[in-house]
Amino acid sequence: MHKAFGLKHLPQWFLSTRFLPAWHLGPIQIGIPVALLAVVIAAVWQMSGFAMAVYLAGLRAIPEELKEAARIDGAGPWRAFWSVIFPQLKGTTATIVIIQAAASMKVFGLIYAMTGPGQDFVTDMPSLNMFQTTFQGNEFAQGAAIAIILLLIMAAFTIPYLISMVRQRGDA
């Protein structure tokens, strides 16, 4: 498509296998691959709207009386934020972290659309590995095993959060 606009020699930096910063420990190269950095930037952009909407709902759920009480007690805007508003957003932040962690486990679509399988496995993720193993390698049992492991990892993030939410509702 970029050729249609006269951009024939557009560098595809988002497919680069270079590491930033690049440290070497013998034959091992340590750093963040540029291609993975491009995927992270796109994923943050994609999911930031969701996080902002959830935080907005969390901010609106904070009673105005708490904010007013902080103002009456002489708290400035920063003190009111750190001492009153921020602690009230603890549950909202936990919700966002759990949902985003689950979403990061299934980042298959974004990676496959941006980099495909990727060069030198720099953008390889468990969901992409599951797809390649199952549908391109015709190893359905191994692909199912990878999917079960992904499910268990997501459950390890989600179940403790759900248990804490049920306990909080029971205390109220």
C-alpha atoms as a PDB file:
ATOM      1  CA  MET A   1       0.000   0.000   0.000  1.00  0.00           C
ATOM      2  CA  HIS A   2       2.845   2.415   0.721  1.00  0.00           C
ATOM      3  CA  LYS A   3       3.968   1.990  -2.904  1.00  0.00           C
ATOM      4  CA  ALA A   4       0.641   3.468  -4.066  1.00  0.00           C
ATOM      5  CA  PHE A   5       1.543   6.723  -2.308  1.00  0.00           C
ATOM      6  CA  GLY A   6       5.043   6.904  -3.787  1.00  0.00           C
ATOM      7  CA  LEU A   7       6.808   5.634  -0.664  1.00  0.00           C
ATOM      8  CA  LYS A   8       8.708   2.788  -2.295  1.00  0.00           C
ATOM      9  CA  HIS A   9      11.681   2.831   0.046  1.00  0.00           C
ATOM     10  CA  LEU A  10       9.888   3.306   3.346  1.00  0.00           C
ATOM     11  CA  PRO A  11      11.996   1.633   6.048  1.00  0.00           C
ATOM     12  CA  GLN A  12      10.134  -1.052   7.929  1.00  0.00           C
ATOM     13  CA  TRP A  13      11.647  -0.327  11.335  1.00  0.00           C
ATOM     14  CA  PHE A  14       8.828  -2.196  13.055  1.00  0.00           C
ATOM     15  CA  LEU A  15      10.256  -5.455  11.659  1.00  0.00           C
ATOM     16  CA  SER A  16      13.800  -4.771  12.865  1.00  0.00           C
ATOM     17  CA  THR A  17      15.569  -7.450  14.899  1.00  0.00           C
ATOM     18  CA  ARG A  18      17.980  -4.922  16.454  1.00  0.00           C
ATOM     19  CA  PHE A  19      17.985  -4.583  20.221  1.00  0.00           C
ATOM     20  CA  LEU A  20      17.720  -1.280  22.105  1.00  0.00           C
ATOM     21  CA  PRO A  21      19.759  -0.939  24.276  1.00  0.00           C
ATOM     22  CA  ALA A  22      22.054  -3.703  23.090  1.00  0.00           C
ATOM     23  CA  TRP A  23      24.195  -5.322  25.752  1.00  0.00           C
ATOM     24  CA  HIS A  24      26.265  -8.383  25.080  1.00  0.00           C
ATOM     25  CA  LEU A  25      26.967 -11.140  27.578  1.00  0.00           C
ATOM     26  CA  GLY A  26      29.141 -13.395  25.465  1.00  0.00           C
ATOM     27  CA  PRO A  27      26.962 -14.738  22.634  1.00  0.00           C
ATOM     28  CA  ILE A  28      23.763 -13.535  24.326  1.00  0.00           C
ATOM     29  CA  GLN A  29      22.335 -10.164  23.309  1.00  0.00           C
ATOM     30  CA  ILE A  30      20.217  -8.392  25.937  1.00  0.00           C
ATOM     31  CA  GLY A  31      17.755  -5.579  25.275  1.00  0.00           C
ATOM     32  CA  ILE A  32      14.326  -4.900  23.838  1.00  0.00           C
ATOM     33  CA  PRO A  33      13.867  -5.781  20.152  1.00  0.00           C
ATOM     34  CA  VAL A  34      12.786  -2.788  18.066  1.00  0.00           C
ATOM     35  CA  ALA A  35       9.989  -4.869  16.513  1.00  0.00           C
ATOM     36  CA  LEU A  36       8.632  -5.726  19.970  1.00  0.00           C
ATOM     37  CA  LEU A  37       8.885  -2.063  20.976  1.00  0.00           C
ATOM     38  CA  ALA A  38       6.698  -1.157  17.994  1.00  0.00           C
ATOM     39  CA  VAL A  39       4.101  -3.732  19.084  1.00  0.00           C
ATOM     40  CA  VAL A  40       4.172  -2.403  22.664  1.00  0.00           C
ATOM     41  CA  ILE A  41       3.590   1.156  21.428  1.00  0.00           C
ATOM     42  CA  ALA A  42       0.628   0.005  19.321  1.00  0.00           C
ATOM     43  CA  ALA A  43      -0.819  -2.081  22.187  1.00  0.00           C
ATOM     44  CA  VAL A  44      -0.560   0.804  24.649  1.00  0.00           C
ATOM     45  CA  TRP A  45      -2.272   3.083  22.144  1.00  0.00           C
ATOM     46  CA  GLN A  46      -4.969   0.468  21.517  1.00  0.00           C
ATOM     47  CA  MET A  47      -5.791  -0.162  25.183  1.00  0.00           C
ATOM     48  CA  SER A  48      -5.251   3.297  26.703  1.00  0.00           C
ATOM     49  CA  GLY A  49      -8.778   4.424  25.842  1.00  0.00           C
ATOM     50  CA  PHE A  50     -10.237   1.513  27.795  1.00  0.00           C
ATOM     51  CA  ALA A  51      -8.075   2.290  30.822  1.00  0.00           C
ATOM     52  CA  MET A  52      -9.040   5.970  30.686  1.00  0.00           C
ATOM     53  CA  ALA A  53     -12.741   5.109  30.538  1.00  0.00           C
ATOM     54  CA  VAL A  54     -12.435   2.800  33.565  1.00  0.00           C
ATOM     55  CA  TYR A  55     -10.481   5.446  35.508  1.00  0.00           C
ATOM     56  CA  LEU A  56     -13.100   8.047  34.623  1.00  0.00           C
ATOM     57  CA  ALA A  57     -15.793   5.758  36.027  1.00  0.00           C
ATOM     58  CA  GLY A  58     -13.659   5.220  39.134  1.00  0.00           C
ATOM     59  CA  LEU A  59     -13.174   8.963  39.598  1.00  0.00           C
ATOM     60  CA  ARG A  60     -16.889   9.602  39.268  1.00  0.00           C
ATOM     61  CA  ALA A  61     -17.614   6.935  41.886  1.00  0.00           C
ATOM     62  CA  ILE A  62     -15.593   8.782  44.548  1.00  0.00           C
ATOM     63  CA  PRO A  63     -18.055  10.619  46.817  1.00  0.00           C
ATOM     64  CA  GLU A  64     -17.838  14.381  46.567  1.00  0.00           C
ATOM     65  CA  GLU A  65     -18.027  14.545  50.371  1.00  0.00           C
ATOM     66  CA  LEU A  66     -14.542  12.988  50.657  1.00  0.00           C
ATOM     67  CA  LYS A  67     -13.043  15.589  48.361  1.00  0.00           C
ATOM     68  CA  GLU A  68     -14.851  18.377  50.193  1.00  0.00           C
ATOM     69  CA  ALA A  69     -13.668  17.079  53.572  1.00  0.00           C
ATOM     70  CA  ALA A  70     -10.063  17.122  52.331  1.00  0.00           C
ATOM     71  CA  ARG A  71     -10.480  20.728  51.165  1.00  0.00           C
ATOM     72  CA  ILE A  72     -11.984  21.741  54.509  1.00  0.00           C
ATOM     73  CA  ASP A  73      -9.095  20.070  56.361  1.00  0.00           C
ATOM     74  CA  GLY A  74      -6.724  22.279  54.365  1.00  0.00           C
ATOM     75  CA  ALA A  75      -5.362  19.755  51.889  1.00  0.00           C
ATOM     76  CA  GLY A  76      -4.113  21.265  48.666  1.00  0.00           C
ATOM     77  CA  PRO A  77      -4.843  19.694  45.287  1.00  0.00           C
ATOM     78  CA  TRP A  78      -1.817  17.359  45.386  1.00  0.00           C
ATOM     79  CA  ARG A  79      -2.351  16.296  48.995  1.00  0.00           C
ATOM     80  CA  ALA A  80      -6.051  15.662  48.277  1.00  0.00           C
ATOM     81  CA  PHE A  81      -5.123  13.564  45.261  1.00  0.00           C
ATOM     82  CA  TRP A  82      -2.480  11.440  47.027  1.00  0.00           C
ATOM     83  CA  SER A  83      -4.326  11.074  50.345  1.00  0.00           C
ATOM     84  CA  VAL A  84      -7.972  10.844  49.252  1.00  0.00           C
ATOM     85  CA  ILE A  85      -8.494  10.223  45.546  1.00  0.00           C
ATOM     86  CA  PHE A  86      -5.581   7.893  44.769  1.00  0.00           C
ATOM     87  CA  PRO A  87      -6.367   5.379  47.569  1.00  0.00           C
ATOM     88  CA  GLN A  88      -9.982   5.267  46.403  1.00  0.00           C
ATOM     89  CA  LEU A  89      -8.782   4.164  42.937  1.00  0.00           C
ATOM     90  CA  LYS A  90      -7.014   1.042  44.263  1.00  0.00           C
ATOM     91  CA  GLY A  91      -9.815  -1.291  43.144  1.00  0.00           C
ATOM     92  CA  THR A  92     -10.066   0.448  39.773  1.00  0.00           C
ATOM     93  CA  THR A  93      -6.322   0.077  39.234  1.00  0.00           C
ATOM     94  CA  ALA A  94      -6.460  -3.610  40.185  1.00  0.00           C
ATOM     95  CA  THR A  95      -9.307  -4.124  37.721  1.00  0.00           C
ATOM     96  CA  ILE A  96      -7.370  -2.474  34.912  1.00  0.00           C
ATOM     97  CA  VAL A  97      -4.202  -4.450  35.680  1.00  0.00           C
ATOM     98  CA  ILE A  98      -6.075  -7.775  35.672  1.00  0.00           C
ATOM     99  CA  ILE A  99      -7.944  -7.041  32.449  1.00  0.00           C
ATOM    100  CA  GLN A 100      -4.830  -5.701  30.704  1.00  0.00           C
ATOM    101  CA  ALA A 101      -2.783  -8.722  31.843  1.00  0.00           C
ATOM    102  CA  ALA A 102      -5.399 -11.023  30.354  1.00  0.00           C
ATOM    103  CA  ALA A 103      -5.452  -8.942  27.169  1.00  0.00           C
ATOM    104  CA  SER A 104      -1.666  -9.092  26.903  1.00  0.00           C
ATOM    105  CA  MET A 105      -1.817 -12.877  26.895  1.00  0.00           C
ATOM    106  CA  LYS A 106      -3.990 -12.789  23.795  1.00  0.00           C
ATOM    107  CA  VAL A 107      -2.146 -10.118  21.824  1.00  0.00           C
ATOM    108  CA  PHE A 108      -2.090 -12.457  18.828  1.00  0.00           C
ATOM    109  CA  GLY A 109      -4.074 -10.262  16.432  1.00  0.00           C
ATOM    110  CA  LEU A 110      -1.929  -7.176  16.845  1.00  0.00           C
ATOM    111  CA  ILE A 111       1.361  -9.030  16.452  1.00  0.00           C
ATOM    112  CA  TYR A 112       0.159 -11.107  13.513  1.00  0.00           C
ATOM    113  CA  ALA A 113      -1.126  -8.004  11.727  1.00  0.00           C
ATOM    114  CA  MET A 114       2.012  -5.929  12.364  1.00  0.00           C
ATOM    115  CA  THR A 115       4.914  -8.359  12.082  1.00  0.00           C
ATOM    116  CA  GLY A 116       3.499 -11.754  11.148  1.00  0.00           C
ATOM    117  CA  PRO A 117       5.569 -14.568  12.612  1.00  0.00           C
ATOM    118  CA  GLY A 118       8.447 -12.105  12.914  1.00  0.00           C
ATOM    119  CA  GLN A 119      12.100 -12.542  12.149  1.00  0.00           C
ATOM    120  CA  ASP A 120      14.353 -14.379  14.599  1.00  0.00           C
ATOM    121  CA  PHE A 121      11.387 -14.853  16.977  1.00  0.00           C
ATOM    122  CA  VAL A 122      11.694 -11.291  18.363  1.00  0.00           C
ATOM    123  CA  THR A 123       7.898 -10.859  18.463  1.00  0.00           C
ATOM    124  CA  ASP A 124       7.044 -14.440  19.344  1.00  0.00           C
ATOM    125  CA  MET A 125       4.353 -14.684  22.030  1.00  0.00           C
ATOM    126  CA  PRO A 126       2.608 -17.734  23.493  1.00  0.00           C
ATOM    127  CA  SER A 127      -0.616 -17.105  21.559  1.00  0.00           C
ATOM    128  CA  LEU A 128       1.292 -16.788  18.274  1.00  0.00           C
ATOM    129  CA  ASN A 129       3.234 -19.941  19.122  1.00  0.00           C
ATOM    130  CA  MET A 130      -0.054 -21.742  19.785  1.00  0.00           C
ATOM    131  CA  PHE A 131      -1.444 -20.639  16.406  1.00  0.00           C
ATOM    132  CA  GLN A 132       1.661 -21.694  14.509  1.00  0.00           C
ATOM    133  CA  THR A 133       1.917 -25.023  16.314  1.00  0.00           C
ATOM    134  CA  THR A 134      -1.747 -25.871  15.867  1.00  0.00           C
ATOM    135  CA  PHE A 135      -2.665 -24.609  12.431  1.00  0.00           C
ATOM    136  CA  GLN A 136       0.605 -24.317  10.533  1.00  0.00           C
ATOM    137  CA  GLY A 137       2.399 -27.263  12.121  1.00  0.00           C
ATOM    138  CA  ASN A 138      -0.713 -29.495  12.363  1.00  0.00           C
ATOM    139  CA  GLU A 139       0.213 -30.389  15.952  1.00  0.00           C
ATOM    140  CA  PHE A 140      -3.266 -30.071  17.416  1.00  0.00           C
ATOM    141  CA  ALA A 141      -2.556 -31.809  20.721  1.00  0.00           C
ATOM    142  CA  GLN A 142       0.500 -29.638  21.402  1.00  0.00           C
ATOM    143  CA  GLY A 143      -1.457 -26.517  20.417  1.00  0.00           C
ATOM    144  CA  ALA A 144      -4.242 -27.509  22.808  1.00  0.00           C
ATOM    145  CA  ALA A 145      -1.665 -27.995  25.575  1.00  0.00           C
ATOM    146  CA  ILE A 146      -0.291 -24.494  24.950  1.00  0.00           C
ATOM    147  CA  ALA A 147      -3.853 -23.115  25.084  1.00  0.00           C
ATOM    148  CA  ILE A 148      -4.485 -24.859  28.423  1.00  0.00           C
ATOM    149  CA  ILE A 149      -1.264 -23.405  29.858  1.00  0.00           C
ATOM    150  CA  LEU A 150      -2.359 -19.931  28.710  1.00  0.00           C
ATOM    151  CA  LEU A 151      -5.745 -20.500  30.352  1.00  0.00           C
ATOM    152  CA  LEU A 152      -4.077 -21.526  33.626  1.00  0.00           C
ATOM    153  CA  ILE A 153      -1.798 -18.462  33.571  1.00  0.00           C
ATOM    154  CA  MET A 154      -4.789 -16.177  33.011  1.00  0.00           C
ATOM    155  CA  ALA A 155      -6.682 -17.973  35.795  1.00  0.00           C
ATOM    156  CA  ALA A 156      -3.708 -17.441  38.122  1.00  0.00           C
ATOM    157  CA  PHE A 157      -4.093 -13.692  37.540  1.00  0.00           C
ATOM    158  CA  THR A 158      -7.873 -13.581  37.634  1.00  0.00           C
ATOM    159  CA  ILE A 159      -9.007 -15.957  40.390  1.00  0.00           C
ATOM    160  CA  PRO A 160      -7.191 -14.222  43.312  1.00  0.00           C
ATOM    161  CA  TYR A 161      -8.630 -10.909  42.140  1.00  0.00           C
ATOM    162  CA  LEU A 162     -12.153 -12.343  41.969  1.00  0.00           C
ATOM    163  CA  ILE A 163     -11.778 -13.898  45.433  1.00  0.00           C
ATOM    164  CA  SER A 164     -10.674 -10.549  46.891  1.00  0.00           C
ATOM    165  CA  MET A 165     -13.616  -8.797  45.238  1.00  0.00           C
ATOM    166  CA  VAL A 166     -16.070 -11.342  46.716  1.00  0.00           C
ATOM    167  CA  ARG A 167     -14.496 -10.900  50.176  1.00  0.00           C
ATOM    168  CA  GLN A 168     -14.767  -7.103  49.912  1.00  0.00           C
ATOM    169  CA  ARG A 169     -18.446  -7.361  48.977  1.00  0.00           C
ATOM    170  CA  GLY A 170     -19.009  -9.685  51.933  1.00  0.00           C
ATOM    171  CA  ASP A 171     -17.410  -7.180  54.328  1.00  0.00           C
ATOM    172  CA  ALA A 172     -19.542  -4.269  53.105  1.00  0.00           C
END
